[in-house]
């Protein structure tokens, strides 16, 4: 019964996009409607919260990967690229300064 409730909540709601409070509210309502024991209700809430966090992390990673891929395709310089260029400029400036002092 609990699995059926979980599946219904997980498929019916974008669990990864829900706040902790909303997940808890949905789980408590579902537990009450299904007449689950207090322990079963807590277990349901905990499992849904864990799943929500995992889903959120997966979604965040996918978004970050997609943004990075898009920026790479467009040719936008990353922070690392810019830092590397700054280092190269600093080295060149030091060389120029060394030659002009002579």
PDB file of N, CA and C in Angstrom:
ATOM      1  N   UNK A   1       0.818  -1.196   0.000  1.00  0.00           N
ATOM      2  CA  UNK A   1       0.000   0.000   0.000  1.00  0.00           C
ATOM      3  C   UNK A   1       0.864   1.264   0.000  1.00  0.00           C
ATOM      4  N   UNK A   2       1.900   1.259   0.850  1.00  0.00           N
ATOM      5  CA  UNK A   2       2.783   2.416   0.922  1.00  0.00           C
ATOM      6  C   UNK A   2       3.462   2.653  -0.426  1.00  0.00           C
ATOM      7  N   UNK A   3       3.904   1.581  -1.073  1.00  0.00           N
ATOM      8  CA  UNK A   3       4.563   1.712  -2.380  1.00  0.00           C
ATOM      9  C   UNK A   3       3.623   2.345  -3.394  1.00  0.00           C
ATOM     10  N   UNK A   4       2.376   1.950  -3.370  1.00  0.00           N
ATOM     11  CA  UNK A   4       1.391   2.507  -4.286  1.00  0.00           C
ATOM     12  C   UNK A   4       1.206   4.007  -4.037  1.00  0.00           C
ATOM     13  N   UNK A   5       1.159   4.384  -2.790  1.00  0.00           N
ATOM     14  CA  UNK A   5       1.029   5.800  -2.434  1.00  0.00           C
ATOM     15  C   UNK A   5       2.260   6.570  -2.903  1.00  0.00           C
ATOM     16  N   UNK A   6       3.451   6.011  -2.620  1.00  0.00           N
ATOM     17  CA  UNK A   6       4.688   6.669  -3.037  1.00  0.00           C
ATOM     18  C   UNK A   6       4.724   6.875  -4.546  1.00  0.00           C
ATOM     19  N   UNK A   7       4.393   5.820  -5.284  1.00  0.00           N
ATOM     20  CA  UNK A   7       4.417   5.906  -6.745  1.00  0.00           C
ATOM     21  C   UNK A   7       3.443   6.967  -7.240  1.00  0.00           C
ATOM     22  N   UNK A   8       2.298   7.036  -6.613  1.00  0.00           N
ATOM     23  CA  UNK A   8       1.316   8.039  -7.000  1.00  0.00           C
ATOM     24  C   UNK A   8       1.824   9.445  -6.761  1.00  0.00           C
ATOM     25  N   UNK A   9       2.435   9.656  -5.633  1.00  0.00           N
ATOM     26  CA  UNK A   9       2.969  10.985  -5.319  1.00  0.00           C
ATOM     27  C   UNK A   9       4.143  11.306  -6.236  1.00  0.00           C
ATOM     28  N   UNK A  10       5.037  10.335  -6.428  1.00  0.00           N
ATOM     29  CA  UNK A  10       6.227  10.573  -7.239  1.00  0.00           C
ATOM     30  C   UNK A  10       5.882  10.860  -8.690  1.00  0.00           C
ATOM     31  N   UNK A  11       4.906  10.149  -9.218  1.00  0.00           N
ATOM     32  CA  UNK A  11       4.553  10.368 -10.621  1.00  0.00           C
ATOM     33  C   UNK A  11       3.599  11.536 -10.799  1.00  0.00           C
ATOM     34  N   UNK A  12       2.814  11.814  -9.803  1.00  0.00           N
ATOM     35  CA  UNK A  12       1.820  12.883  -9.922  1.00  0.00           C
ATOM     36  C   UNK A  12       2.371  14.260  -9.627  1.00  0.00           C
ATOM     37  N   UNK A  13       3.513  14.321  -8.987  1.00  0.00           N
ATOM     38  CA  UNK A  13       4.061  15.602  -8.567  1.00  0.00           C
ATOM     39  C   UNK A  13       5.541  15.633  -8.923  1.00  0.00           C
ATOM     40  N   UNK A  14       6.031  16.764  -9.355  1.00  0.00           N
ATOM     41  CA  UNK A  14       7.465  16.904  -9.630  1.00  0.00           C
ATOM     42  C   UNK A  14       8.206  16.943  -8.315  1.00  0.00           C
ATOM     43  N   UNK A  15       8.437  15.767  -7.744  1.00  0.00           N
ATOM     44  CA  UNK A  15       8.980  15.669  -6.392  1.00  0.00           C
ATOM     45  C   UNK A  15      10.304  16.396  -6.239  1.00  0.00           C
ATOM     46  N   UNK A  16      11.139  16.351  -7.248  1.00  0.00           N
ATOM     47  CA  UNK A  16      12.428  17.012  -7.146  1.00  0.00           C
ATOM     48  C   UNK A  16      12.324  18.515  -7.087  1.00  0.00           C
ATOM     49  N   UNK A  17      11.184  19.044  -7.516  1.00  0.00           N
ATOM     50  CA  UNK A  17      11.015  20.487  -7.546  1.00  0.00           C
ATOM     51  C   UNK A  17      10.223  20.999  -6.349  1.00  0.00           C
ATOM     52  N   UNK A  18       9.779  20.088  -5.509  1.00  0.00           N
ATOM     53  CA  UNK A  18       8.976  20.479  -4.360  1.00  0.00           C
ATOM     54  C   UNK A  18       9.864  20.852  -3.178  1.00  0.00           C
ATOM     55  N   UNK A  19       9.364  21.741  -2.353  1.00  0.00           N
ATOM     56  CA  UNK A  19      10.071  22.079  -1.128  1.00  0.00           C
ATOM     57  C   UNK A  19       9.875  20.954  -0.120  1.00  0.00           C
ATOM     58  N   UNK A  20      10.721  20.935   0.870  1.00  0.00           N
ATOM     59  CA  UNK A  20      10.640  19.928   1.925  1.00  0.00           C
ATOM     60  C   UNK A  20       9.263  19.959   2.589  1.00  0.00           C
ATOM     61  N   UNK A  21       8.766  21.154   2.829  1.00  0.00           N
ATOM     62  CA  UNK A  21       7.482  21.301   3.501  1.00  0.00           C
ATOM     63  C   UNK A  21       6.346  20.718   2.663  1.00  0.00           C
ATOM     64  N   UNK A  22       6.385  20.961   1.344  1.00  0.00           N
ATOM     65  CA  UNK A  22       5.336  20.439   0.483  1.00  0.00           C
ATOM     66  C   UNK A  22       5.390  18.919   0.414  1.00  0.00           C
ATOM     67  N   UNK A  23       6.598  18.362   0.350  1.00  0.00           N
ATOM     68  CA  UNK A  23       6.737  16.901   0.337  1.00  0.00           C
ATOM     69  C   UNK A  23       6.140  16.326   1.614  1.00  0.00           C
ATOM     70  N   UNK A  24       6.460  16.951   2.738  1.00  0.00           N
ATOM     71  CA  UNK A  24       5.945  16.463   4.018  1.00  0.00           C
ATOM     72  C   UNK A  24       4.423  16.572   4.067  1.00  0.00           C
ATOM     73  N   UNK A  25       3.878  17.683   3.582  1.00  0.00           N
ATOM     74  CA  UNK A  25       2.420  17.854   3.572  1.00  0.00           C
ATOM     75  C   UNK A  25       1.741  16.775   2.737  1.00  0.00           C
ATOM     76  N   UNK A  26       2.260  16.551   1.508  1.00  0.00           N
ATOM     77  CA  UNK A  26       1.685  15.517   0.635  1.00  0.00           C
ATOM     78  C   UNK A  26       1.759  14.144   1.292  1.00  0.00           C
ATOM     79  N   UNK A  27       2.914  13.836   1.868  1.00  0.00           N
ATOM     80  CA  UNK A  27       3.102  12.523   2.479  1.00  0.00           C
ATOM     81  C   UNK A  27       2.163  12.344   3.678  1.00  0.00           C
ATOM     82  N   UNK A  28       2.033  13.382   4.491  1.00  0.00           N
ATOM     83  CA  UNK A  28       1.148  13.286   5.664  1.00  0.00           C
ATOM     84  C   UNK A  28      -0.308  13.114   5.243  1.00  0.00           C
ATOM     85  N   UNK A  29      -0.721  13.866   4.216  1.00  0.00           N
ATOM     86  CA  UNK A  29      -2.092  13.731   3.724  1.00  0.00           C
ATOM     87  C   UNK A  29      -2.328  12.327   3.167  1.00  0.00           C
ATOM     88  N   UNK A  30      -1.364  11.842   2.402  1.00  0.00           N
ATOM     89  CA  UNK A  30      -1.502  10.504   1.815  1.00  0.00           C
ATOM     90  C   UNK A  30      -1.535   9.447   2.909  1.00  0.00           C
ATOM     91  N   UNK A  31      -0.697   9.598   3.912  1.00  0.00           N
ATOM     92  CA  UNK A  31      -0.661   8.638   5.012  1.00  0.00           C
ATOM     93  C   UNK A  31      -1.976   8.652   5.780  1.00  0.00           C
ATOM     94  N   UNK A  32      -2.525   9.833   5.987  1.00  0.00           N
ATOM     95  CA  UNK A  32      -3.791   9.943   6.715  1.00  0.00           C
ATOM     96  C   UNK A  32      -4.925   9.310   5.907  1.00  0.00           C
ATOM     97  N   UNK A  33      -4.972   9.608   4.601  1.00  0.00           N
ATOM     98  CA  UNK A  33      -6.026   9.068   3.747  1.00  0.00           C
ATOM     99  C   UNK A  33      -5.926   7.543   3.628  1.00  0.00           C
ATOM    100  N   UNK A  34      -4.690   7.038   3.638  1.00  0.00           N
ATOM    101  CA  UNK A  34      -4.497   5.586   3.525  1.00  0.00           C
ATOM    102  C   UNK A  34      -4.579   4.903   4.890  1.00  0.00           C
ATOM    103  N   UNK A  35      -4.783   5.706   5.928  1.00  0.00           N
ATOM    104  CA  UNK A  35      -4.899   5.196   7.300  1.00  0.00           C
ATOM    105  C   UNK A  35      -3.678   4.369   7.697  1.00  0.00           C
ATOM    106  N   UNK A  36      -2.491   4.949   7.420  1.00  0.00           N
ATOM    107  CA  UNK A  36      -1.250   4.293   7.793  1.00  0.00           C
ATOM    108  C   UNK A  36      -0.977   4.539   9.269  1.00  0.00           C
ATOM    109  N   UNK A  37      -0.200   3.653   9.860  1.00  0.00           N
ATOM    110  CA  UNK A  37       0.206   3.866  11.246  1.00  0.00           C
ATOM    111  C   UNK A  37       1.162   5.056  11.288  1.00  0.00           C
ATOM    112  N   UNK A  38       1.401   5.555  12.480  1.00  0.00           N
ATOM    113  CA  UNK A  38       2.312   6.691  12.629  1.00  0.00           C
ATOM    114  C   UNK A  38       3.707   6.326  12.124  1.00  0.00           C
ATOM    115  N   UNK A  39       4.153   5.127  12.418  1.00  0.00           N
ATOM    116  CA  UNK A  39       5.481   4.670  11.969  1.00  0.00           C
ATOM    117  C   UNK A  39       5.535   4.564  10.443  1.00  0.00           C
ATOM    118  N   UNK A  40       4.483   4.006   9.854  1.00  0.00           N
ATOM    119  CA  UNK A  40       4.439   3.903   8.389  1.00  0.00           C
ATOM    120  C   UNK A  40       4.421   5.293   7.751  1.00  0.00           C
ATOM    121  N   UNK A  41       3.712   6.195   8.377  1.00  0.00           N
ATOM    122  CA  UNK A  41       3.644   7.569   7.886  1.00  0.00           C
ATOM    123  C   UNK A  41       5.000   8.250   7.932  1.00  0.00           C
ATOM    124  N   UNK A  42       5.716   8.075   9.039  1.00  0.00           N
ATOM    125  CA  UNK A  42       7.059   8.653   9.159  1.00  0.00           C
ATOM    126  C   UNK A  42       7.999   8.054   8.122  1.00  0.00           C
ATOM    127  N   UNK A  43       7.873   6.737   7.938  1.00  0.00           N
ATOM    128  CA  UNK A  43       8.733   6.064   6.957  1.00  0.00           C
ATOM    129  C   UNK A  43       8.442   6.615   5.553  1.00  0.00           C
ATOM    130  N   UNK A  44       7.182   6.805   5.246  1.00  0.00           N
ATOM    131  CA  UNK A  44       6.792   7.354   3.950  1.00  0.00           C
ATOM    132  C   UNK A  44       7.376   8.753   3.764  1.00  0.00           C
ATOM    133  N   UNK A  45       7.243   9.599   4.785  1.00  0.00           N
ATOM    134  CA  UNK A  45       7.784  10.956   4.714  1.00  0.00           C
ATOM    135  C   UNK A  45       9.286  10.912   4.487  1.00  0.00           C
ATOM    136  N   UNK A  46       9.999  10.094   5.265  1.00  0.00           N
ATOM    137  CA  UNK A  46      11.457  10.002   5.140  1.00  0.00           C
ATOM    138  C   UNK A  46      11.879   9.539   3.754  1.00  0.00           C
ATOM    139  N   UNK A  47      11.201   8.521   3.229  1.00  0.00           N
ATOM    140  CA  UNK A  47      11.545   8.002   1.911  1.00  0.00           C
ATOM    141  C   UNK A  47      11.282   9.039   0.816  1.00  0.00           C
ATOM    142  N   UNK A  48      10.180   9.737   0.937  1.00  0.00           N
ATOM    143  CA  UNK A  48       9.867  10.760  -0.058  1.00  0.00           C
ATOM    144  C   UNK A  48      10.842  11.930   0.008  1.00  0.00           C
ATOM    145  N   UNK A  49      11.233  12.312   1.219  1.00  0.00           N
ATOM    146  CA  UNK A  49      12.209  13.390   1.357  1.00  0.00           C
ATOM    147  C   UNK A  49      13.558  12.980   0.768  1.00  0.00           C
ATOM    148  N   UNK A  50      13.966  11.744   1.034  1.00  0.00           N
ATOM    149  CA  UNK A  50      15.229  11.240   0.463  1.00  0.00           C
ATOM    150  C   UNK A  50      15.161  11.241  -1.056  1.00  0.00           C
ATOM    151  N   UNK A  51      14.061  10.743  -1.574  1.00  0.00           N
ATOM    152  CA  UNK A  51      13.903  10.680  -3.025  1.00  0.00           C
ATOM    153  C   UNK A  51      13.859  12.088  -3.622  1.00  0.00           C
ATOM    154  N   UNK A  52      13.203  12.991  -2.939  1.00  0.00           N
ATOM    155  CA  UNK A  52      13.121  14.379  -3.404  1.00  0.00           C
ATOM    156  C   UNK A  52      14.509  14.991  -3.494  1.00  0.00           C
ATOM    157  N   UNK A  53      15.334  14.775  -2.491  1.00  0.00           N
ATOM    158  CA  UNK A  53      16.693  15.318  -2.472  1.00  0.00           C
ATOM    159  C   UNK A  53      17.536  14.709  -3.596  1.00  0.00           C
ATOM    160  N   UNK A  54      17.432  13.398  -3.783  1.00  0.00           N
ATOM    161  CA  UNK A  54      18.171  12.736  -4.859  1.00  0.00           C
ATOM    162  C   UNK A  54      17.743  13.281  -6.214  1.00  0.00           C
ATOM    163  N   UNK A  55      16.449  13.435  -6.405  1.00  0.00           N
ATOM    164  CA  UNK A  55      15.916  13.940  -7.666  1.00  0.00           C
ATOM    165  C   UNK A  55      16.389  15.362  -7.907  1.00  0.00           C
ATOM    166  N   UNK A  56      16.375  16.182  -6.866  1.00  0.00           N
ATOM    167  CA  UNK A  56      16.825  17.569  -6.985  1.00  0.00           C
ATOM    168  C   UNK A  56      18.297  17.626  -7.389  1.00  0.00           C
ATOM    169  N   UNK A  57      19.125  16.785  -6.756  1.00  0.00           N
ATOM    170  CA  UNK A  57      20.553  16.763  -7.077  1.00  0.00           C
ATOM    171  C   UNK A  57      20.787  16.301  -8.516  1.00  0.00           C
ATOM    172  N   UNK A  58      20.064  15.273  -8.933  1.00  0.00           N
ATOM    173  CA  UNK A  58      20.194  14.784 -10.311  1.00  0.00           C
ATOM    174  C   UNK A  58      19.789  15.862 -11.309  1.00  0.00           C
ATOM    175  N   UNK A  59      18.697  16.543 -11.022  1.00  0.00           N
ATOM    176  CA  UNK A  59      18.218  17.605 -11.903  1.00  0.00           C
ATOM    177  C   UNK A  59      19.232  18.748 -11.961  1.00  0.00           C
ATOM    178  N   UNK A  60      19.763  19.119 -10.819  1.00  0.00           N
ATOM    179  CA  UNK A  60      20.760  20.181 -10.764  1.00  0.00           C
ATOM    180  C   UNK A  60      22.001  19.811 -11.574  1.00  0.00           C
ATOM    181  N   UNK A  61      22.448  18.566 -11.450  1.00  0.00           N
ATOM    182  CA  UNK A  61      23.623  18.107 -12.198  1.00  0.00           C
ATOM    183  C   UNK A  61      23.346  18.140 -13.702  1.00  0.00           C
ATOM    184  N   UNK A  62      22.174  17.662 -14.103  1.00  0.00           N
ATOM    185  CA  UNK A  62      21.819  17.664 -15.526  1.00  0.00           C
ATOM    186  C   UNK A  62      21.771  19.092 -16.074  1.00  0.00           C
ATOM    187  N   UNK A  63      21.213  19.997 -15.305  1.00  0.00           N
ATOM    188  CA  UNK A  63      21.138  21.391 -15.745  1.00  0.00           C
ATOM    189  C   UNK A  63      22.541  21.979 -15.869  1.00  0.00           C
ATOM    190  N   UNK A  64      23.380  21.741 -14.863  1.00  0.00           N
ATOM    191  CA  UNK A  64      24.749  22.251 -14.905  1.00  0.00           C
ATOM    192  C   UNK A  64      25.516  21.688 -16.101  1.00  0.00           C
ATOM    193  N   UNK A  65      25.370  20.388 -16.341  1.00  0.00           N
ATOM    194  CA  UNK A  65      26.037  19.759 -17.484  1.00  0.00           C
ATOM    195  C   UNK A  65      25.551  20.359 -18.795  1.00  0.00           C
ATOM    196  N   UNK A  66      24.247  20.577 -18.910  1.00  0.00           N
ATOM    197  CA  UNK A  66      23.690  21.128 -20.138  1.00  0.00           C
ATOM    198  C   UNK A  66      24.164  22.563 -20.367  1.00  0.00           C
ATOM    199  N   UNK A  67      24.198  23.345 -19.307  1.00  0.00           N
ATOM    200  CA  UNK A  67      24.672  24.717 -19.425  1.00  0.00           C
ATOM    201  C   UNK A  67      26.135  24.727 -19.859  1.00  0.00           C
ATOM    202  N   UNK A  68      26.945  23.869 -19.228  1.00  0.00           N
ATOM    203  CA  UNK A  68      28.370  23.787 -19.587  1.00  0.00           C
ATOM    204  C   UNK A  68      28.535  23.374 -21.039  1.00  0.00           C
ATOM    205  N   UNK A  69      27.794  22.367 -21.477  1.00  0.00           N
ATOM    206  CA  UNK A  69      27.873  21.922 -22.868  1.00  0.00           C
ATOM    207  C   UNK A  69      27.470  23.035 -23.831  1.00  0.00           C
ATOM    208  N   UNK A  70      26.422  23.739 -23.491  1.00  0.00           N
ATOM    209  CA  UNK A  70      25.957  24.831 -24.347  1.00  0.00           C
ATOM    210  C   UNK A  70      27.003  25.937 -24.425  1.00  0.00           C
ATOM    211  N   UNK A  71      27.574  26.298 -23.282  1.00  0.00           N
ATOM    212  CA  UNK A  71      28.611  27.331 -23.275  1.00  0.00           C
ATOM    213  C   UNK A  71      29.833  26.887 -24.073  1.00  0.00           C
ATOM    214  N   UNK A  72      30.188  25.611 -23.967  1.00  0.00           N
ATOM    215  CA  UNK A  72      31.317  25.075 -24.737  1.00  0.00           C
ATOM    216  C   UNK A  72      31.037  25.165 -26.233  1.00  0.00           C
ATOM    217  N   UNK A  73      29.820  24.828 -26.629  1.00  0.00           N
ATOM    218  CA  UNK A  73      29.456  24.861 -28.047  1.00  0.00           C
ATOM    219  C   UNK A  73      29.465  26.287 -28.592  1.00  0.00           C
ATOM    220  N   UNK A  74      29.029  27.226 -27.788  1.00  0.00           N
ATOM    221  CA  UNK A  74      28.965  28.613 -28.214  1.00  0.00           C
ATOM    222  C   UNK A  74      30.360  29.247 -28.201  1.00  0.00           C
ATOM    223  N   UNK A  75      31.227  28.689 -27.388  1.00  0.00           N
ATOM    224  CA  UNK A  75      32.593  29.200 -27.312  1.00  0.00           C
ATOM    225  C   UNK A  75      32.791  30.264 -26.253  1.00  0.00           C
ATOM    226  N   UNK A  76      31.961  30.269 -25.248  1.00  0.00           N
ATOM    227  CA  UNK A  76      32.085  31.231 -24.160  1.00  0.00           C
ATOM    228  C   UNK A  76      33.228  30.792 -23.237  1.00  0.00           C
ATOM    229  N   UNK A  77      34.071  31.746 -22.890  1.00  0.00           N
ATOM    230  CA  UNK A  77      35.200  31.444 -22.010  1.00  0.00           C
ATOM    231  C   UNK A  77      34.708  31.150 -20.597  1.00  0.00           C
ATOM    232  N   UNK A  78      35.307  30.137 -20.003  1.00  0.00           N
ATOM    233  CA  UNK A  78      34.964  29.793 -18.626  1.00  0.00           C
ATOM    234  C   UNK A  78      35.811  30.625 -17.667  1.00  0.00           C
ATOM    235  N   UNK A  79      35.504  30.564 -16.418  1.00  0.00           N
ATOM    236  CA  UNK A  79      36.281  31.262 -15.398  1.00  0.00           C
ATOM    237  C   UNK A  79      37.725  30.768 -15.410  1.00  0.00           C
ATOM    238  N   UNK A  80      37.894  29.469 -15.601  1.00  0.00           N
ATOM    239  CA  UNK A  80      39.234  28.886 -15.659  1.00  0.00           C
ATOM    240  C   UNK A  80      40.003  29.423 -16.869  1.00  0.00           C
ATOM    241  N   UNK A  81      39.316  29.529 -18.010  1.00  0.00           N
ATOM    242  CA  UNK A  81      39.950  30.079 -19.210  1.00  0.00           C
ATOM    243  C   UNK A  81      40.439  31.505 -18.953  1.00  0.00           C
ATOM    244  N   UNK A  82      39.606  32.294 -18.331  1.00  0.00           N
ATOM    245  CA  UNK A  82      39.943  33.692 -18.053  1.00  0.00           C
ATOM    246  C   UNK A  82      41.112  33.783 -17.081  1.00  0.00           C
ATOM    247  N   UNK A  83      41.101  32.930 -16.047  1.00  0.00           N
ATOM    248  CA  UNK A  83      42.209  32.928 -15.089  1.00  0.00           C
ATOM    249  C   UNK A  83      43.523  32.541 -15.773  1.00  0.00           C
ATOM    250  N   UNK A  84      43.468  31.589 -16.683  1.00  0.00           N
ATOM    251  CA  UNK A  84      44.663  31.177 -17.425  1.00  0.00           C
ATOM    252  C   UNK A  84      45.178  32.328 -18.287  1.00  0.00           C
ATOM    253  N   UNK A  85      44.279  33.027 -18.925  1.00  0.00           N
ATOM    254  CA  UNK A  85      44.673  34.187 -19.733  1.00  0.00           C
ATOM    255  C   UNK A  85      45.296  35.284 -18.861  1.00  0.00           C
ATOM    256  N   UNK A  86      44.747  35.502 -17.681  1.00  0.00           N
ATOM    257  CA  UNK A  86      45.311  36.497 -16.768  1.00  0.00           C
ATOM    258  C   UNK A  86      46.747  36.143 -16.394  1.00  0.00           C
ATOM    259  N   UNK A  87      46.978  34.855 -16.140  1.00  0.00           N
ATOM    260  CA  UNK A  87      48.335  34.403 -15.804  1.00  0.00           C
ATOM    261  C   UNK A  87      49.286  34.655 -16.973  1.00  0.00           C
ATOM    262  N   UNK A  88      48.827  34.363 -18.183  1.00  0.00           N
ATOM    263  CA  UNK A  88      49.654  34.577 -19.362  1.00  0.00           C
ATOM    264  C   UNK A  88      49.967  36.066 -19.545  1.00  0.00           C
ATOM    265  N   UNK A  89      48.973  36.911 -19.322  1.00  0.00           N
ATOM    266  CA  UNK A  89      49.168  38.356 -19.441  1.00  0.00           C
ATOM    267  C   UNK A  89      50.174  38.849 -18.407  1.00  0.00           C
ATOM    268  N   UNK A  90      50.044  38.349 -17.180  1.00  0.00           N
ATOM    269  CA  UNK A  90      50.987  38.732 -16.123  1.00  0.00           C
ATOM    270  C   UNK A  90      52.416  38.362 -16.507  1.00  0.00           C
ATOM    271  N   UNK A  91      52.601  37.158 -17.048  1.00  0.00           N
ATOM    272  CA  UNK A  91      53.941  36.724 -17.466  1.00  0.00           C
ATOM    273  C   UNK A  91      54.478  37.621 -18.575  1.00  0.00           C
ATOM    274  N   UNK A  92      53.642  37.945 -19.544  1.00  0.00           N
ATOM    275  CA  UNK A  92      54.068  38.812 -20.641  1.00  0.00           C
ATOM    276  C   UNK A  92      54.426  40.211 -20.138  1.00  0.00           C
ATOM    277  N   UNK A  93      53.621  40.731 -19.214  1.00  0.00           N
ATOM    278  CA  UNK A  93      53.905  42.055 -18.655  1.00  0.00           C
ATOM    279  C   UNK A  93      55.249  42.063 -17.939  1.00  0.00           C
ATOM    280  N   UNK A  94      55.539  41.001 -17.220  1.00  0.00           N
ATOM    281  CA  UNK A  94      56.819  40.918 -16.508  1.00  0.00           C
ATOM    282  C   UNK A  94      57.972  40.861 -17.500  1.00  0.00           C
ATOM    283  N   UNK A  95      57.790  40.138 -18.595  1.00  0.00           N
ATOM    284  CA  UNK A  95      58.842  40.074 -19.615  1.00  0.00           C
ATOM    285  C   UNK A  95      59.072  41.454 -20.225  1.00  0.00           C
ATOM    286  N   UNK A  96      57.986  42.143 -20.543  1.00  0.00           N
ATOM    287  CA  UNK A  96      58.089  43.473 -21.139  1.00  0.00           C
ATOM    288  C   UNK A  96      58.767  44.446 -20.166  1.00  0.00           C
ATOM    289  N   UNK A  97      58.355  44.390 -18.922  1.00  0.00           N
ATOM    290  CA  UNK A  97      58.950  45.274 -17.915  1.00  0.00           C
ATOM    291  C   UNK A  97      60.452  44.991 -17.761  1.00  0.00           C
ATOM    292  N   UNK A  98      60.820  43.733 -17.822  1.00  0.00           N
ATOM    293  CA  UNK A  98      62.231  43.353 -17.718  1.00  0.00           C
ATOM    294  C   UNK A  98      63.049  43.894 -18.871  1.00  0.00           C
ATOM    295  N   UNK A  99      62.475  43.886 -20.066  1.00  0.00           N
ATOM    296  CA  UNK A  99      63.193  44.371 -21.255  1.00  0.00           C
ATOM    297  C   UNK A  99      63.267  45.890 -21.291  1.00  0.00           C
ATOM    298  N   UNK A 100      62.261  46.581 -20.781  1.00  0.00           N
ATOM    299  CA  UNK A 100      62.273  48.055 -20.835  1.00  0.00           C
ATOM    300  C   UNK A 100      63.173  48.641 -19.760  1.00  0.00           C
ATOM    301  N   UNK A 101      63.523  47.895 -18.727  1.00  0.00           N
ATOM    302  CA  UNK A 101      64.397  48.381 -17.663  1.00  0.00           C
ATOM    303  C   UNK A 101      65.848  48.393 -18.107  1.00  0.00           C
ATOM    304  N   UNK A 102      66.201  47.664 -19.113  1.00  0.00           N
ATOM    305  CA  UNK A 102      67.595  47.567 -19.559  1.00  0.00           C
ATOM    306  C   UNK A 102      68.070  48.792 -20.208  1.00  0.00           C
TER     307      UNK A 102
END
